[in-house]
């Protein structure tokens, strides 16, 4: 990943770069851990669910990192707009699954 930890004026480590752009999604994914543990007692099922969530976070972080390392601001904006629509479509799919219950 292109981001790095930097030291602030007091010498404490801070998060910079693309890592700060994906912090909210990372925290949301971490908040799912207790829910995953509560929905199944089967270790393999919990591991599969947690790995799936972790994979989604890693892919999103990598995508954002690549955008900031490899593209111009104009191209980045276009790609992010398309990525945003992709994520909206995924949310629509999830909403449809929830409505079927």
N, C-alpha and C. Protein backbone atom coordinates (compact mmCIF):
# COMPACT_ATOMS: atom_id res chain seq x y z
N UNK A 1 0.84 -1.16 0.00
CA UNK A 1 0.00 0.00 0.00
C UNK A 1 0.89 1.24 0.00
N UNK A 2 0.41 2.29 -0.61
CA UNK A 2 1.21 3.49 -0.79
C UNK A 2 1.25 4.36 0.45
N UNK A 3 0.41 4.12 1.41
CA UNK A 3 0.38 4.98 2.58
C UNK A 3 1.48 4.61 3.57
N UNK A 4 1.81 5.56 4.42
CA UNK A 4 2.85 5.34 5.41
C UNK A 4 2.42 5.96 6.72
N UNK A 5 2.96 5.43 7.79
CA UNK A 5 2.75 6.06 9.09
C UNK A 5 3.80 7.14 9.25
N UNK A 6 3.37 8.28 9.71
CA UNK A 6 4.28 9.38 9.92
C UNK A 6 4.24 9.79 11.38
N UNK A 7 5.27 10.47 11.83
CA UNK A 7 5.33 10.98 13.19
C UNK A 7 4.81 12.41 13.20
N UNK A 8 3.93 12.71 14.17
CA UNK A 8 3.50 14.09 14.31
C UNK A 8 4.51 14.85 15.14
N UNK A 9 4.23 16.12 15.45
CA UNK A 9 5.20 16.95 16.18
C UNK A 9 5.53 16.40 17.56
N UNK A 10 4.61 15.65 18.15
CA UNK A 10 4.85 15.09 19.48
C UNK A 10 5.53 13.72 19.40
N UNK A 11 5.84 13.26 18.20
CA UNK A 11 6.54 11.99 18.04
C UNK A 11 5.62 10.78 18.00
N UNK A 12 4.30 11.01 18.00
CA UNK A 12 3.37 9.89 17.95
C UNK A 12 3.09 9.53 16.50
N UNK A 13 2.83 8.26 16.29
CA UNK A 13 2.56 7.77 14.95
C UNK A 13 1.18 8.22 14.50
N UNK A 14 1.08 8.67 13.25
CA UNK A 14 -0.19 9.07 12.67
C UNK A 14 -0.40 8.33 11.37
N UNK A 15 -1.62 8.28 10.91
CA UNK A 15 -1.94 7.61 9.66
C UNK A 15 -2.00 8.66 8.57
N UNK A 16 -1.41 8.35 7.42
CA UNK A 16 -1.41 9.32 6.32
C UNK A 16 -1.78 8.62 5.02
N UNK A 17 -1.91 9.41 3.98
CA UNK A 17 -2.11 8.89 2.64
C UNK A 17 -3.43 8.17 2.47
N UNK A 18 -3.41 7.14 1.63
CA UNK A 18 -4.64 6.43 1.30
C UNK A 18 -5.21 5.67 2.48
N UNK A 19 -4.36 5.34 3.45
CA UNK A 19 -4.84 4.61 4.62
C UNK A 19 -5.93 5.40 5.34
N UNK A 20 -5.77 6.71 5.40
CA UNK A 20 -6.78 7.53 6.06
C UNK A 20 -8.07 7.58 5.26
N UNK A 21 -8.01 7.37 3.95
CA UNK A 21 -9.21 7.39 3.12
C UNK A 21 -10.08 6.16 3.31
N UNK A 22 -9.48 5.07 3.79
CA UNK A 22 -10.25 3.83 3.96
C UNK A 22 -10.46 3.49 5.43
N UNK A 23 -10.18 4.42 6.31
CA UNK A 23 -10.30 4.16 7.75
C UNK A 23 -11.73 3.81 8.16
N UNK A 24 -12.70 4.54 7.64
CA UNK A 24 -14.09 4.30 8.03
C UNK A 24 -14.54 2.90 7.62
N UNK A 25 -14.20 2.48 6.41
CA UNK A 25 -14.60 1.14 5.97
C UNK A 25 -13.88 0.07 6.77
N UNK A 26 -12.62 0.31 7.13
CA UNK A 26 -11.88 -0.65 7.95
C UNK A 26 -12.53 -0.79 9.33
N UNK A 27 -12.91 0.33 9.92
CA UNK A 27 -13.56 0.30 11.23
C UNK A 27 -14.92 -0.39 11.16
N UNK A 28 -15.65 -0.16 10.09
CA UNK A 28 -16.94 -0.83 9.91
C UNK A 28 -16.76 -2.34 9.79
N UNK A 29 -15.73 -2.74 9.07
CA UNK A 29 -15.45 -4.17 8.92
C UNK A 29 -15.08 -4.80 10.26
N UNK A 30 -14.29 -4.08 11.05
CA UNK A 30 -13.91 -4.59 12.37
C UNK A 30 -15.13 -4.71 13.29
N UNK A 31 -16.09 -3.83 13.10
CA UNK A 31 -17.30 -3.88 13.92
C UNK A 31 -18.16 -5.10 13.59
N UNK A 32 -17.94 -5.70 12.44
CA UNK A 32 -18.68 -6.90 12.06
C UNK A 32 -18.20 -8.15 12.78
N UNK A 33 -16.99 -8.13 13.30
CA UNK A 33 -16.42 -9.32 13.93
C UNK A 33 -17.30 -9.90 15.04
N UNK A 34 -17.77 -9.11 16.00
CA UNK A 34 -18.64 -9.69 17.03
C UNK A 34 -19.94 -10.25 16.45
N UNK A 35 -20.47 -9.59 15.42
CA UNK A 35 -21.70 -10.09 14.79
C UNK A 35 -21.45 -11.43 14.12
N UNK A 36 -20.34 -11.54 13.43
CA UNK A 36 -19.99 -12.82 12.78
C UNK A 36 -19.88 -13.92 13.82
N UNK A 37 -19.24 -13.62 14.94
CA UNK A 37 -19.10 -14.62 16.00
C UNK A 37 -20.43 -15.00 16.60
N UNK A 38 -21.39 -14.08 16.60
CA UNK A 38 -22.69 -14.36 17.21
C UNK A 38 -23.65 -15.13 16.30
N UNK A 39 -23.44 -15.06 14.99
CA UNK A 39 -24.39 -15.71 14.09
C UNK A 39 -24.11 -17.18 13.86
N UNK A 40 -22.91 -17.63 14.15
CA UNK A 40 -22.59 -19.05 13.96
C UNK A 40 -21.56 -19.50 14.98
N UNK A 41 -21.74 -20.72 15.44
CA UNK A 41 -20.75 -21.27 16.37
C UNK A 41 -19.72 -22.12 15.63
N UNK A 42 -19.97 -22.39 14.35
CA UNK A 42 -19.07 -23.19 13.54
C UNK A 42 -17.82 -22.38 13.21
N UNK A 43 -16.67 -22.87 13.63
CA UNK A 43 -15.41 -22.15 13.44
C UNK A 43 -15.12 -21.90 11.97
N UNK A 44 -15.32 -22.90 11.12
CA UNK A 44 -15.02 -22.74 9.70
C UNK A 44 -15.91 -21.69 9.06
N UNK A 45 -17.18 -21.66 9.44
CA UNK A 45 -18.10 -20.66 8.88
C UNK A 45 -17.69 -19.26 9.32
N UNK A 46 -17.32 -19.11 10.59
CA UNK A 46 -16.87 -17.80 11.08
C UNK A 46 -15.62 -17.36 10.34
N UNK A 47 -14.69 -18.28 10.16
CA UNK A 47 -13.45 -17.97 9.47
C UNK A 47 -13.72 -17.55 8.03
N UNK A 48 -14.60 -18.26 7.36
CA UNK A 48 -14.95 -17.92 5.98
C UNK A 48 -15.58 -16.54 5.89
N UNK A 49 -16.52 -16.24 6.78
CA UNK A 49 -17.15 -14.92 6.78
C UNK A 49 -16.15 -13.81 7.07
N UNK A 50 -15.31 -14.03 8.08
CA UNK A 50 -14.31 -13.01 8.44
C UNK A 50 -13.31 -12.80 7.32
N UNK A 51 -12.86 -13.88 6.70
CA UNK A 51 -11.93 -13.76 5.57
C UNK A 51 -12.56 -13.01 4.40
N UNK A 52 -13.85 -13.22 4.18
CA UNK A 52 -14.55 -12.52 3.10
C UNK A 52 -14.58 -11.02 3.37
N UNK A 53 -14.92 -10.65 4.59
CA UNK A 53 -14.95 -9.23 4.96
C UNK A 53 -13.55 -8.63 4.86
N UNK A 54 -12.56 -9.32 5.40
CA UNK A 54 -11.18 -8.83 5.35
C UNK A 54 -10.71 -8.66 3.91
N UNK A 55 -11.11 -9.59 3.04
CA UNK A 55 -10.74 -9.51 1.63
C UNK A 55 -11.35 -8.30 0.94
N UNK A 56 -12.59 -8.00 1.26
CA UNK A 56 -13.25 -6.82 0.69
C UNK A 56 -12.51 -5.55 1.10
N UNK A 57 -12.13 -5.48 2.37
CA UNK A 57 -11.40 -4.31 2.87
C UNK A 57 -10.05 -4.19 2.17
N UNK A 58 -9.32 -5.29 2.07
CA UNK A 58 -8.01 -5.26 1.41
C UNK A 58 -8.12 -4.82 -0.04
N UNK A 59 -9.13 -5.33 -0.74
CA UNK A 59 -9.32 -4.97 -2.15
C UNK A 59 -9.65 -3.49 -2.29
N UNK A 60 -10.50 -2.97 -1.43
CA UNK A 60 -10.85 -1.55 -1.49
C UNK A 60 -9.63 -0.68 -1.21
N UNK A 61 -8.85 -1.06 -0.19
CA UNK A 61 -7.64 -0.30 0.13
C UNK A 61 -6.64 -0.34 -1.02
N UNK A 62 -6.48 -1.51 -1.62
CA UNK A 62 -5.54 -1.64 -2.74
C UNK A 62 -6.00 -0.80 -3.92
N UNK A 63 -7.29 -0.82 -4.20
CA UNK A 63 -7.83 -0.06 -5.33
C UNK A 63 -7.57 1.44 -5.14
N UNK A 64 -7.89 1.95 -3.97
CA UNK A 64 -7.67 3.37 -3.68
C UNK A 64 -6.18 3.70 -3.76
N UNK A 65 -5.36 2.83 -3.22
CA UNK A 65 -3.92 3.05 -3.25
C UNK A 65 -3.40 3.10 -4.69
N UNK A 66 -3.84 2.16 -5.52
CA UNK A 66 -3.43 2.15 -6.92
C UNK A 66 -3.86 3.43 -7.62
N UNK A 67 -5.08 3.87 -7.34
CA UNK A 67 -5.56 5.09 -7.98
C UNK A 67 -4.66 6.28 -7.66
N UNK A 68 -4.26 6.40 -6.42
CA UNK A 68 -3.45 7.54 -6.02
C UNK A 68 -2.00 7.42 -6.48
N UNK A 69 -1.55 6.23 -6.74
CA UNK A 69 -0.16 6.04 -7.18
C UNK A 69 -0.02 6.08 -8.70
N UNK A 70 -1.05 5.69 -9.40
CA UNK A 70 -0.89 5.44 -10.84
C UNK A 70 -1.69 6.35 -11.76
N UNK A 71 -2.53 7.20 -11.22
CA UNK A 71 -3.38 7.98 -12.11
C UNK A 71 -3.27 9.47 -11.82
N UNK A 72 -3.67 10.22 -12.83
CA UNK A 72 -3.74 11.67 -12.67
C UNK A 72 -5.03 12.00 -11.93
N UNK A 73 -5.13 13.18 -11.35
CA UNK A 73 -6.37 13.55 -10.64
C UNK A 73 -7.63 13.45 -11.50
N UNK A 74 -7.54 13.80 -12.78
CA UNK A 74 -8.71 13.73 -13.66
C UNK A 74 -9.15 12.28 -13.88
N UNK A 75 -8.19 11.42 -14.17
CA UNK A 75 -8.52 10.01 -14.37
C UNK A 75 -8.99 9.38 -13.07
N UNK A 76 -8.38 9.76 -11.96
CA UNK A 76 -8.77 9.25 -10.65
C UNK A 76 -10.22 9.59 -10.36
N UNK A 77 -10.62 10.81 -10.68
CA UNK A 77 -11.99 11.23 -10.45
C UNK A 77 -12.97 10.39 -11.26
N UNK A 78 -12.65 10.14 -12.51
CA UNK A 78 -13.52 9.32 -13.36
C UNK A 78 -13.62 7.89 -12.82
N UNK A 79 -12.47 7.33 -12.45
CA UNK A 79 -12.47 5.96 -11.92
C UNK A 79 -13.23 5.87 -10.60
N UNK A 80 -13.04 6.86 -9.75
CA UNK A 80 -13.76 6.85 -8.47
C UNK A 80 -15.26 7.00 -8.66
N UNK A 81 -15.67 7.77 -9.64
CA UNK A 81 -17.10 7.90 -9.94
C UNK A 81 -17.68 6.56 -10.39
N UNK A 82 -16.94 5.87 -11.24
CA UNK A 82 -17.39 4.54 -11.69
C UNK A 82 -17.39 3.54 -10.54
N UNK A 83 -16.37 3.61 -9.71
CA UNK A 83 -16.28 2.72 -8.55
C UNK A 83 -17.44 2.98 -7.59
N UNK A 84 -17.78 4.25 -7.42
CA UNK A 84 -18.91 4.62 -6.57
C UNK A 84 -20.21 4.00 -7.08
N UNK A 85 -20.41 4.06 -8.41
CA UNK A 85 -21.62 3.46 -8.99
C UNK A 85 -21.61 1.95 -8.79
N UNK A 86 -20.46 1.32 -8.94
CA UNK A 86 -20.32 -0.11 -8.71
C UNK A 86 -20.74 -0.46 -7.28
N UNK A 87 -20.26 0.32 -6.31
CA UNK A 87 -20.62 0.07 -4.91
C UNK A 87 -22.10 0.29 -4.66
N UNK A 88 -22.69 1.31 -5.29
CA UNK A 88 -24.13 1.55 -5.16
C UNK A 88 -24.91 0.36 -5.71
N UNK A 89 -24.46 -0.19 -6.83
CA UNK A 89 -25.12 -1.36 -7.41
C UNK A 89 -25.02 -2.56 -6.48
N UNK A 90 -23.88 -2.70 -5.81
CA UNK A 90 -23.73 -3.79 -4.85
C UNK A 90 -24.70 -3.61 -3.68
N UNK A 91 -24.88 -2.38 -3.22
CA UNK A 91 -25.82 -2.09 -2.14
C UNK A 91 -27.24 -2.41 -2.58
N UNK A 92 -27.57 -2.08 -3.82
CA UNK A 92 -28.89 -2.40 -4.36
C UNK A 92 -29.11 -3.91 -4.35
N UNK A 93 -28.09 -4.66 -4.74
CA UNK A 93 -28.19 -6.12 -4.72
C UNK A 93 -28.42 -6.63 -3.30
N UNK A 94 -27.71 -6.07 -2.34
CA UNK A 94 -27.88 -6.47 -0.93
C UNK A 94 -29.29 -6.13 -0.47
N UNK A 95 -29.77 -4.96 -0.82
CA UNK A 95 -31.13 -4.56 -0.45
C UNK A 95 -32.17 -5.53 -1.02
N UNK A 96 -31.96 -5.99 -2.26
CA UNK A 96 -32.89 -6.94 -2.86
C UNK A 96 -32.89 -8.26 -2.11
N UNK A 97 -31.72 -8.72 -1.69
CA UNK A 97 -31.63 -9.97 -0.92
C UNK A 97 -32.36 -9.80 0.42
N UNK A 98 -32.18 -8.66 1.05
CA UNK A 98 -32.85 -8.41 2.33
C UNK A 98 -34.36 -8.36 2.18
N UNK A 99 -34.86 -7.84 1.08
CA UNK A 99 -36.30 -7.76 0.84
C UNK A 99 -36.92 -9.13 0.60
N UNK A 100 -36.13 -10.08 0.10
CA UNK A 100 -36.64 -11.42 -0.18
C UNK A 100 -36.90 -12.21 1.09
N UNK A 101 -36.37 -11.76 2.21
CA UNK A 101 -36.55 -12.50 3.46
C UNK A 101 -37.94 -12.41 3.92
